[in-house]
N, C-alpha and C. Protein backbone atom coordinates (compact mmCIF):
# COMPACT_ATOMS: atom_id res chain seq x y z
N UNK A 1 -0.40 -20.64 12.55
CA UNK A 1 0.37 -19.61 11.95
C UNK A 1 1.04 -18.80 13.07
N UNK A 2 2.34 -18.50 13.03
CA UNK A 2 2.97 -17.61 14.03
C UNK A 2 3.11 -16.22 13.40
N UNK A 3 2.60 -15.24 14.18
CA UNK A 3 2.58 -13.84 13.77
C UNK A 3 3.27 -12.97 14.75
N UNK A 4 4.23 -12.17 14.33
CA UNK A 4 4.94 -11.22 15.18
C UNK A 4 4.44 -9.78 14.75
N UNK A 5 4.03 -9.03 15.74
CA UNK A 5 3.46 -7.71 15.48
C UNK A 5 4.09 -6.63 16.29
N UNK A 6 4.59 -5.56 15.69
CA UNK A 6 5.11 -4.43 16.52
C UNK A 6 3.96 -3.38 16.70
N UNK A 7 4.08 -2.70 17.79
CA UNK A 7 3.02 -1.74 18.17
C UNK A 7 1.76 -2.39 18.55
N UNK A 8 1.86 -3.47 19.40
CA UNK A 8 0.76 -4.39 19.56
C UNK A 8 -0.16 -4.00 20.69
N UNK A 9 0.02 -2.95 21.48
CA UNK A 9 -0.78 -2.65 22.63
C UNK A 9 -1.88 -1.67 22.39
N UNK A 10 -1.83 -1.02 21.29
CA UNK A 10 -2.90 0.07 21.04
C UNK A 10 -3.21 0.13 19.55
N UNK A 11 -4.32 0.75 19.28
CA UNK A 11 -4.70 1.08 17.88
C UNK A 11 -4.73 -0.11 16.94
N UNK A 12 -4.05 0.09 15.78
CA UNK A 12 -4.04 -0.92 14.77
C UNK A 12 -3.37 -2.17 15.28
N UNK A 13 -2.28 -2.08 16.00
CA UNK A 13 -1.58 -3.24 16.50
C UNK A 13 -2.46 -4.07 17.47
N UNK A 14 -3.16 -3.46 18.37
CA UNK A 14 -4.08 -4.11 19.21
C UNK A 14 -5.16 -4.79 18.46
N UNK A 15 -5.76 -4.17 17.47
CA UNK A 15 -6.81 -4.72 16.68
C UNK A 15 -6.24 -5.98 15.91
N UNK A 16 -5.00 -5.93 15.49
CA UNK A 16 -4.37 -7.07 14.79
C UNK A 16 -4.25 -8.25 15.72
N UNK A 17 -3.74 -7.98 16.93
CA UNK A 17 -3.59 -9.02 17.98
C UNK A 17 -5.00 -9.71 18.16
N UNK A 18 -6.00 -8.93 18.30
CA UNK A 18 -7.34 -9.46 18.45
C UNK A 18 -7.79 -10.28 17.27
N UNK A 19 -7.52 -9.78 16.06
CA UNK A 19 -7.97 -10.47 14.85
C UNK A 19 -7.24 -11.82 14.66
N UNK A 20 -5.98 -11.86 15.09
CA UNK A 20 -5.12 -13.11 14.94
C UNK A 20 -5.21 -14.00 16.18
N UNK A 21 -6.22 -13.75 17.06
CA UNK A 21 -6.27 -14.45 18.36
C UNK A 21 -6.24 -16.02 18.23
N UNK A 22 -6.66 -16.54 17.11
CA UNK A 22 -6.62 -17.98 16.92
C UNK A 22 -5.37 -18.49 16.42
N UNK A 23 -4.34 -17.63 16.33
CA UNK A 23 -2.99 -18.01 15.91
C UNK A 23 -2.03 -17.75 17.06
N UNK A 24 -0.77 -18.10 16.84
CA UNK A 24 0.26 -17.86 17.81
C UNK A 24 0.77 -16.40 17.55
N UNK A 25 0.45 -15.45 18.42
CA UNK A 25 0.82 -14.04 18.26
C UNK A 25 1.82 -13.67 19.23
N UNK A 26 2.89 -13.03 18.74
CA UNK A 26 3.91 -12.41 19.65
C UNK A 26 3.90 -10.85 19.37
N UNK A 27 3.55 -10.13 20.40
CA UNK A 27 3.50 -8.71 20.31
C UNK A 27 4.70 -7.96 20.86
N UNK A 28 5.09 -6.91 20.27
CA UNK A 28 6.15 -6.05 20.72
C UNK A 28 5.68 -4.60 20.79
N UNK A 29 5.79 -4.04 22.03
CA UNK A 29 5.29 -2.72 22.25
C UNK A 29 6.09 -2.12 23.39
N UNK A 30 6.42 -0.84 23.24
CA UNK A 30 7.13 -0.12 24.33
C UNK A 30 6.39 -0.19 25.64
N UNK A 31 5.08 -0.21 25.56
CA UNK A 31 4.24 -0.29 26.82
C UNK A 31 4.51 -1.54 27.63
N UNK A 32 4.90 -2.61 26.90
CA UNK A 32 5.24 -3.86 27.51
C UNK A 32 6.71 -4.02 27.80
N UNK A 33 7.50 -2.93 27.64
CA UNK A 33 8.91 -3.01 27.91
C UNK A 33 9.72 -3.47 26.63
N UNK A 34 9.07 -3.59 25.54
CA UNK A 34 9.77 -4.03 24.35
C UNK A 34 9.95 -2.83 23.35
N UNK A 35 10.97 -1.98 23.67
CA UNK A 35 11.32 -0.85 22.86
C UNK A 35 12.04 -1.25 21.58
N UNK A 36 11.40 -1.19 20.43
CA UNK A 36 12.00 -1.67 19.23
C UNK A 36 13.06 -0.75 18.68
N UNK A 37 13.47 0.26 19.43
CA UNK A 37 14.70 1.01 19.08
C UNK A 37 15.90 0.52 19.86
N UNK A 38 15.71 -0.40 20.78
CA UNK A 38 16.75 -0.99 21.57
C UNK A 38 17.35 -2.20 20.90
N UNK A 39 18.66 -2.29 20.78
CA UNK A 39 19.36 -3.35 20.06
C UNK A 39 19.06 -4.72 20.63
N UNK A 40 18.90 -4.80 21.97
CA UNK A 40 18.58 -6.05 22.54
C UNK A 40 17.24 -6.59 22.24
N UNK A 41 16.29 -5.66 22.22
CA UNK A 41 14.89 -6.01 21.81
C UNK A 41 14.77 -6.33 20.31
N UNK A 42 15.53 -5.63 19.52
CA UNK A 42 15.59 -5.87 18.08
C UNK A 42 16.06 -7.35 17.84
N UNK A 43 17.17 -7.72 18.49
CA UNK A 43 17.69 -9.05 18.41
C UNK A 43 16.70 -10.11 18.88
N UNK A 44 16.02 -9.82 20.00
CA UNK A 44 14.96 -10.74 20.46
C UNK A 44 13.85 -10.89 19.42
N UNK A 45 13.45 -9.73 18.86
CA UNK A 45 12.36 -9.84 17.86
C UNK A 45 12.84 -10.66 16.68
N UNK A 46 14.02 -10.43 16.19
CA UNK A 46 14.60 -11.24 15.07
C UNK A 46 14.60 -12.67 15.36
N UNK A 47 15.07 -13.07 16.59
CA UNK A 47 15.01 -14.46 17.02
C UNK A 47 13.66 -15.01 16.98
N UNK A 48 12.72 -14.25 17.42
CA UNK A 48 11.30 -14.66 17.47
C UNK A 48 10.77 -14.90 16.07
N UNK A 49 11.28 -14.12 15.10
CA UNK A 49 10.88 -14.22 13.69
C UNK A 49 11.47 -15.39 12.95
N UNK A 50 12.46 -16.02 13.50
CA UNK A 50 13.13 -17.17 12.86
C UNK A 50 12.08 -18.18 12.36
N UNK A 51 11.13 -18.56 13.16
CA UNK A 51 10.16 -19.60 12.86
C UNK A 51 8.75 -18.97 12.66
N UNK A 52 8.63 -17.68 12.51
CA UNK A 52 7.33 -17.03 12.32
C UNK A 52 6.94 -17.14 10.85
N UNK A 53 5.69 -16.96 10.62
CA UNK A 53 5.16 -16.98 9.23
C UNK A 53 4.84 -15.63 8.71
N UNK A 54 4.53 -14.74 9.62
CA UNK A 54 4.06 -13.41 9.29
C UNK A 54 4.72 -12.40 10.22
N UNK A 55 5.25 -11.34 9.69
CA UNK A 55 5.76 -10.17 10.49
C UNK A 55 4.95 -8.94 10.09
N UNK A 56 4.31 -8.34 11.06
CA UNK A 56 3.53 -7.10 10.79
C UNK A 56 4.28 -5.90 11.40
N UNK A 57 4.86 -5.11 10.56
CA UNK A 57 5.75 -3.97 10.83
C UNK A 57 4.86 -2.74 11.06
N UNK A 58 4.24 -2.64 12.23
CA UNK A 58 3.28 -1.61 12.48
C UNK A 58 3.78 -0.38 13.19
N UNK A 59 4.57 -0.56 14.25
CA UNK A 59 5.05 0.57 15.02
C UNK A 59 6.01 1.46 14.17
N UNK A 60 5.83 2.81 14.26
CA UNK A 60 6.62 3.68 13.45
C UNK A 60 8.12 3.68 13.72
N UNK A 61 8.53 3.65 14.97
CA UNK A 61 10.02 3.68 15.15
C UNK A 61 10.74 2.47 14.56
N UNK A 62 11.77 2.73 13.82
CA UNK A 62 12.68 1.69 13.29
C UNK A 62 11.98 0.80 12.25
N UNK A 63 10.94 1.25 11.57
CA UNK A 63 10.28 0.43 10.55
C UNK A 63 11.24 0.01 9.46
N UNK A 64 12.10 0.89 8.94
CA UNK A 64 12.96 0.51 7.87
C UNK A 64 14.00 -0.46 8.36
N UNK A 65 14.56 -0.26 9.48
CA UNK A 65 15.53 -1.17 10.05
C UNK A 65 14.93 -2.58 10.19
N UNK A 66 13.75 -2.63 10.84
CA UNK A 66 13.20 -3.94 10.98
C UNK A 66 12.77 -4.60 9.68
N UNK A 67 12.17 -3.82 8.76
CA UNK A 67 11.83 -4.37 7.49
C UNK A 67 13.04 -4.98 6.79
N UNK A 68 14.13 -4.30 6.80
CA UNK A 68 15.36 -4.78 6.15
C UNK A 68 15.94 -6.05 6.78
N UNK A 69 15.90 -6.07 8.15
CA UNK A 69 16.38 -7.21 8.86
C UNK A 69 15.55 -8.45 8.66
N UNK A 70 14.29 -8.32 8.74
CA UNK A 70 13.34 -9.45 8.53
C UNK A 70 13.38 -9.94 7.09
N UNK A 71 13.44 -8.99 6.11
CA UNK A 71 13.60 -9.30 4.74
C UNK A 71 14.87 -10.20 4.51
N UNK A 72 15.91 -9.79 5.09
CA UNK A 72 17.19 -10.53 4.94
C UNK A 72 17.12 -11.92 5.56
N UNK A 73 16.47 -11.95 6.77
CA UNK A 73 16.26 -13.23 7.49
C UNK A 73 15.43 -14.18 6.64
N UNK A 74 14.40 -13.62 5.97
CA UNK A 74 13.38 -14.51 5.30
C UNK A 74 13.60 -14.55 3.76
N UNK A 75 14.78 -14.04 3.30
CA UNK A 75 15.04 -14.02 1.83
C UNK A 75 14.70 -15.32 1.19
N UNK A 76 13.87 -15.28 0.16
CA UNK A 76 13.52 -16.45 -0.66
C UNK A 76 12.70 -17.49 0.10
N UNK A 77 12.09 -17.15 1.18
CA UNK A 77 11.28 -18.07 1.94
C UNK A 77 9.81 -17.68 1.82
N UNK A 78 8.88 -18.61 1.84
CA UNK A 78 7.46 -18.34 1.59
C UNK A 78 6.79 -17.80 2.88
N UNK A 79 7.26 -16.62 3.24
CA UNK A 79 6.71 -15.93 4.45
C UNK A 79 6.18 -14.59 4.02
N UNK A 80 5.51 -13.92 4.92
CA UNK A 80 4.84 -12.61 4.59
C UNK A 80 5.25 -11.49 5.55
N UNK A 81 5.62 -10.39 4.98
CA UNK A 81 5.83 -9.19 5.74
C UNK A 81 4.72 -8.21 5.40
N UNK A 82 4.02 -7.71 6.42
CA UNK A 82 3.03 -6.70 6.20
C UNK A 82 3.57 -5.39 6.78
N UNK A 83 3.71 -4.42 5.96
CA UNK A 83 4.28 -3.16 6.29
C UNK A 83 3.19 -2.13 6.43
N UNK A 84 3.07 -1.45 7.58
CA UNK A 84 2.05 -0.45 7.72
C UNK A 84 2.63 0.97 7.44
N UNK A 85 2.18 1.53 6.32
CA UNK A 85 2.69 2.85 5.92
C UNK A 85 1.53 3.83 6.10
N UNK A 86 1.28 4.71 5.17
CA UNK A 86 0.22 5.71 5.26
C UNK A 86 -0.28 6.14 3.95
N UNK A 87 -1.57 6.37 3.87
CA UNK A 87 -2.17 6.86 2.59
C UNK A 87 -1.73 8.33 2.33
N UNK A 88 -1.10 8.99 3.31
CA UNK A 88 -0.70 10.35 3.05
C UNK A 88 0.33 10.42 1.91
N UNK A 89 1.07 9.31 1.72
CA UNK A 89 2.04 9.22 0.63
C UNK A 89 1.38 8.99 -0.70
N UNK A 90 0.10 8.68 -0.71
CA UNK A 90 -0.69 8.45 -1.90
C UNK A 90 -1.50 9.71 -2.20
N UNK A 91 -2.04 10.27 -1.15
CA UNK A 91 -2.96 11.44 -1.30
C UNK A 91 -2.26 12.78 -1.53
N UNK A 92 -0.99 12.85 -1.05
CA UNK A 92 -0.28 14.14 -1.14
C UNK A 92 1.08 13.83 -1.91
N UNK A 93 1.68 14.90 -2.35
CA UNK A 93 3.08 14.87 -2.92
C UNK A 93 3.91 15.67 -2.00
N UNK A 94 5.21 15.64 -2.26
CA UNK A 94 6.10 16.44 -1.38
C UNK A 94 5.91 17.90 -1.51
N UNK A 95 5.04 18.27 -2.47
CA UNK A 95 4.79 19.72 -2.69
C UNK A 95 3.48 20.28 -2.04
N UNK A 96 2.58 19.33 -1.68
CA UNK A 96 1.29 19.78 -1.18
C UNK A 96 0.86 19.15 0.19
N UNK A 97 1.65 18.51 0.88
CA UNK A 97 1.18 17.94 2.12
C UNK A 97 1.14 19.03 3.25
N UNK A 98 0.20 18.82 4.15
CA UNK A 98 0.09 19.83 5.27
C UNK A 98 1.37 19.83 6.11
N UNK A 99 1.72 21.02 6.64
CA UNK A 99 2.91 21.20 7.40
C UNK A 99 2.94 20.20 8.61
N UNK A 100 1.84 19.98 9.25
CA UNK A 100 1.88 19.08 10.43
C UNK A 100 2.14 17.65 10.09
N UNK A 101 2.15 17.27 8.81
CA UNK A 101 2.52 15.92 8.37
C UNK A 101 3.90 15.80 7.84
N UNK A 102 4.69 16.90 7.86
CA UNK A 102 5.95 16.91 7.16
C UNK A 102 6.92 15.79 7.56
N UNK A 103 7.22 15.63 8.84
CA UNK A 103 8.12 14.52 9.24
C UNK A 103 7.55 13.16 8.97
N UNK A 104 6.31 13.04 9.32
CA UNK A 104 5.56 11.79 9.12
C UNK A 104 5.56 11.38 7.64
N UNK A 105 5.22 12.32 6.82
CA UNK A 105 5.16 12.07 5.34
C UNK A 105 6.49 11.63 4.84
N UNK A 106 7.58 12.33 5.21
CA UNK A 106 8.86 12.02 4.71
C UNK A 106 9.37 10.66 5.24
N UNK A 107 9.08 10.32 6.42
CA UNK A 107 9.44 9.00 6.97
C UNK A 107 8.71 7.91 6.21
N UNK A 108 7.44 8.06 5.99
CA UNK A 108 6.61 7.02 5.30
C UNK A 108 6.94 6.95 3.84
N UNK A 109 7.31 8.06 3.24
CA UNK A 109 7.76 8.05 1.83
C UNK A 109 8.99 7.25 1.69
N UNK A 110 9.97 7.49 2.59
CA UNK A 110 11.20 6.66 2.50
C UNK A 110 10.95 5.24 2.72
N UNK A 111 10.04 4.92 3.67
CA UNK A 111 9.66 3.50 3.93
C UNK A 111 9.06 2.85 2.66
N UNK A 112 8.13 3.60 1.95
CA UNK A 112 7.60 3.06 0.76
C UNK A 112 8.63 2.74 -0.33
N UNK A 113 9.65 3.58 -0.46
CA UNK A 113 10.73 3.32 -1.41
C UNK A 113 11.50 2.10 -1.04
N UNK A 114 11.78 1.87 0.23
CA UNK A 114 12.45 0.63 0.63
C UNK A 114 11.59 -0.53 0.32
N UNK A 115 10.31 -0.48 0.63
CA UNK A 115 9.38 -1.58 0.32
C UNK A 115 9.42 -1.94 -1.17
N UNK A 116 9.30 -0.94 -2.01
CA UNK A 116 9.33 -1.09 -3.47
C UNK A 116 10.64 -1.77 -3.92
N UNK A 117 11.74 -1.24 -3.40
CA UNK A 117 13.05 -1.87 -3.72
C UNK A 117 13.09 -3.31 -3.33
N UNK A 118 12.65 -3.71 -2.19
CA UNK A 118 12.70 -5.07 -1.75
C UNK A 118 11.73 -5.95 -2.50
N UNK A 119 10.57 -5.40 -2.82
CA UNK A 119 9.58 -6.14 -3.61
C UNK A 119 10.13 -6.49 -4.97
N UNK A 120 10.93 -5.62 -5.57
CA UNK A 120 11.54 -5.79 -6.89
C UNK A 120 12.75 -6.72 -6.87
N UNK A 121 13.35 -6.87 -5.71
CA UNK A 121 14.51 -7.78 -5.61
C UNK A 121 14.12 -9.19 -5.71
N UNK A 122 12.97 -9.60 -5.10
CA UNK A 122 12.61 -11.00 -4.96
C UNK A 122 11.13 -11.10 -4.70
N UNK A 123 10.53 -12.22 -5.18
CA UNK A 123 9.12 -12.48 -4.87
C UNK A 123 8.93 -12.89 -3.42
N UNK A 124 9.94 -13.50 -2.78
CA UNK A 124 9.78 -13.96 -1.42
C UNK A 124 10.94 -13.33 -0.58
N UNK A 125 10.56 -12.95 0.66
CA UNK A 125 9.23 -13.09 1.21
C UNK A 125 8.29 -12.07 0.57
N UNK A 126 7.04 -12.42 0.61
CA UNK A 126 5.97 -11.62 0.05
C UNK A 126 5.89 -10.42 0.95
N UNK A 127 5.96 -9.17 0.43
CA UNK A 127 5.77 -7.98 1.18
C UNK A 127 4.55 -7.23 0.72
N UNK A 128 3.64 -6.97 1.68
CA UNK A 128 2.42 -6.24 1.38
C UNK A 128 2.54 -4.88 2.09
N UNK A 129 2.42 -3.81 1.36
CA UNK A 129 2.48 -2.46 1.89
C UNK A 129 1.04 -1.91 2.09
N UNK A 130 0.67 -1.71 3.28
CA UNK A 130 -0.69 -1.22 3.64
C UNK A 130 -0.58 0.18 3.90
N UNK A 131 -1.42 1.01 3.17
CA UNK A 131 -1.36 2.50 3.34
C UNK A 131 -2.74 2.98 3.70
N UNK A 132 -3.10 2.95 5.00
CA UNK A 132 -4.43 3.50 5.37
C UNK A 132 -4.41 4.93 5.54
N UNK A 133 -5.57 5.59 5.27
CA UNK A 133 -5.73 7.01 5.62
C UNK A 133 -5.98 7.13 7.10
N UNK A 134 -6.74 8.06 7.52
CA UNK A 134 -6.93 8.25 8.99
C UNK A 134 -7.56 7.02 9.61
N UNK A 135 -6.92 6.54 10.74
CA UNK A 135 -7.47 5.42 11.49
C UNK A 135 -7.72 5.92 12.90
N UNK A 136 -8.81 5.46 13.50
CA UNK A 136 -9.23 5.99 14.81
C UNK A 136 -8.31 5.40 15.86
N UNK A 137 -7.23 6.14 16.09
CA UNK A 137 -6.25 5.74 17.15
C UNK A 137 -5.92 6.98 17.99
N UNK A 138 -5.15 6.78 19.03
CA UNK A 138 -4.70 7.87 19.91
C UNK A 138 -3.97 8.88 19.13
N UNK A 139 -3.18 8.49 18.17
CA UNK A 139 -2.34 9.38 17.33
C UNK A 139 -3.13 10.25 16.43
N UNK A 140 -4.37 9.92 16.16
CA UNK A 140 -5.21 10.69 15.26
C UNK A 140 -6.31 11.44 16.00
N UNK A 141 -6.31 11.52 17.28
CA UNK A 141 -7.37 12.01 18.09
C UNK A 141 -7.72 13.48 17.80
N UNK A 142 -6.73 14.26 17.31
CA UNK A 142 -6.96 15.66 16.95
C UNK A 142 -7.72 15.78 15.65
N UNK A 143 -7.67 14.80 14.79
CA UNK A 143 -8.29 14.90 13.45
C UNK A 143 -9.76 14.71 13.57
N UNK A 144 -10.56 15.65 12.99
CA UNK A 144 -11.99 15.63 13.12
C UNK A 144 -12.81 14.99 11.92
N UNK A 145 -12.08 14.58 10.87
CA UNK A 145 -12.73 13.98 9.76
C UNK A 145 -13.00 12.48 9.93
N UNK A 146 -13.35 11.84 8.83
CA UNK A 146 -13.64 10.39 8.86
C UNK A 146 -12.43 9.60 9.24
N UNK A 147 -12.56 8.65 10.15
CA UNK A 147 -11.47 7.79 10.56
C UNK A 147 -12.00 6.30 10.57
N UNK A 148 -11.20 5.50 9.91
CA UNK A 148 -11.47 4.02 9.85
C UNK A 148 -11.29 3.40 11.28
N UNK A 149 -12.11 2.51 11.65
CA UNK A 149 -11.89 1.77 12.86
C UNK A 149 -10.79 0.77 12.70
N UNK A 150 -9.87 0.61 13.71
CA UNK A 150 -8.73 -0.31 13.57
C UNK A 150 -9.20 -1.72 13.27
N UNK A 151 -10.34 -2.12 13.84
CA UNK A 151 -10.76 -3.56 13.65
C UNK A 151 -11.06 -3.82 12.08
N UNK A 152 -11.56 -2.80 11.37
CA UNK A 152 -11.80 -3.00 9.97
C UNK A 152 -10.50 -3.09 9.18
N UNK A 153 -9.50 -2.34 9.58
CA UNK A 153 -8.21 -2.46 8.89
C UNK A 153 -7.55 -3.80 9.19
N UNK A 154 -7.63 -4.24 10.47
CA UNK A 154 -7.15 -5.53 10.88
C UNK A 154 -7.76 -6.67 10.09
N UNK A 155 -9.11 -6.61 9.87
CA UNK A 155 -9.78 -7.65 9.05
C UNK A 155 -9.27 -7.58 7.65
N UNK A 156 -9.08 -6.44 7.08
CA UNK A 156 -8.62 -6.34 5.70
C UNK A 156 -7.17 -6.96 5.62
N UNK A 157 -6.31 -6.62 6.53
CA UNK A 157 -4.94 -7.18 6.57
C UNK A 157 -4.97 -8.68 6.73
N UNK A 158 -5.82 -9.20 7.59
CA UNK A 158 -5.97 -10.64 7.81
C UNK A 158 -6.32 -11.30 6.52
N UNK A 159 -7.30 -10.76 5.82
CA UNK A 159 -7.70 -11.31 4.54
C UNK A 159 -6.66 -11.23 3.45
N UNK A 160 -5.87 -10.16 3.45
CA UNK A 160 -4.88 -9.99 2.43
C UNK A 160 -3.73 -10.95 2.54
N UNK A 161 -3.46 -11.50 3.75
CA UNK A 161 -2.29 -12.39 3.89
C UNK A 161 -2.63 -13.83 3.81
N UNK A 162 -3.97 -14.06 3.62
CA UNK A 162 -4.28 -15.52 3.47
C UNK A 162 -3.62 -16.03 2.24
N UNK A 163 -3.24 -17.29 2.29
CA UNK A 163 -2.55 -17.89 1.12
C UNK A 163 -3.23 -17.70 -0.13
N UNK A 164 -2.64 -17.02 -1.07
CA UNK A 164 -3.17 -16.77 -2.34
C UNK A 164 -2.36 -17.59 -3.42
N UNK A 165 -3.03 -17.98 -4.40
CA UNK A 165 -2.38 -18.72 -5.42
C UNK A 165 -2.51 -17.98 -6.76
N UNK A 166 -1.38 -17.76 -7.43
CA UNK A 166 -1.38 -17.14 -8.67
C UNK A 166 -1.20 -15.60 -8.70
N UNK A 167 -1.16 -14.99 -7.53
CA UNK A 167 -0.93 -13.58 -7.54
C UNK A 167 -0.36 -13.13 -6.13
N UNK A 168 0.18 -11.89 -6.10
CA UNK A 168 0.62 -11.31 -4.90
C UNK A 168 0.01 -9.88 -4.77
N UNK A 169 -0.46 -9.55 -3.59
CA UNK A 169 -0.88 -8.22 -3.29
C UNK A 169 0.37 -7.43 -2.91
N UNK A 170 0.65 -6.34 -3.52
CA UNK A 170 1.83 -5.55 -3.24
C UNK A 170 1.56 -4.30 -2.41
N UNK A 171 0.50 -3.59 -2.72
CA UNK A 171 0.19 -2.27 -2.16
C UNK A 171 -1.28 -2.07 -2.04
N UNK A 172 -1.77 -1.76 -0.80
CA UNK A 172 -3.16 -1.42 -0.65
C UNK A 172 -3.24 -0.08 -0.03
N UNK A 173 -4.00 0.75 -0.76
CA UNK A 173 -4.26 2.15 -0.19
C UNK A 173 -5.74 2.14 0.18
N UNK A 174 -6.11 2.52 1.36
CA UNK A 174 -7.49 2.44 1.83
C UNK A 174 -7.87 3.58 2.71
N UNK A 175 -9.15 4.01 2.56
CA UNK A 175 -9.65 5.04 3.47
C UNK A 175 -11.11 4.73 3.73
């Protein structure tokens, strides 16, 4: 199985690369010089996805753009897009989220709407929206509450994309 992962050098992305180590994994991360906001890198990523089986849309920058492009590329094909969103869109509403989450919440809320729209347009490609609560990454270092280890989330994602017969997982909220 060929898997393309954004945000592959740290946190969730790094754990996903490790979990899929027995597969052909292509990682994209700004740390490696692959800035997914750059048009040349986006085109390279899309070319790489031509023959991929799974695209894991993990890095926050350009998630909606990449989701839309890969969806269009894979329209009606038996492939899987895993979109990493956030449980903040499940746990909070636009009226009660903490101020420090405002931009993040709004970005992830918009992403979830795009995911739902695409899921309703077609069964394929299969799109799984993953909404984890706090994950133990550099970005959540300031948070003092419970944080899930990235490897546990990576295991859950790995299991969710295994070929399933007779059903599709659409949305997973986990903490």
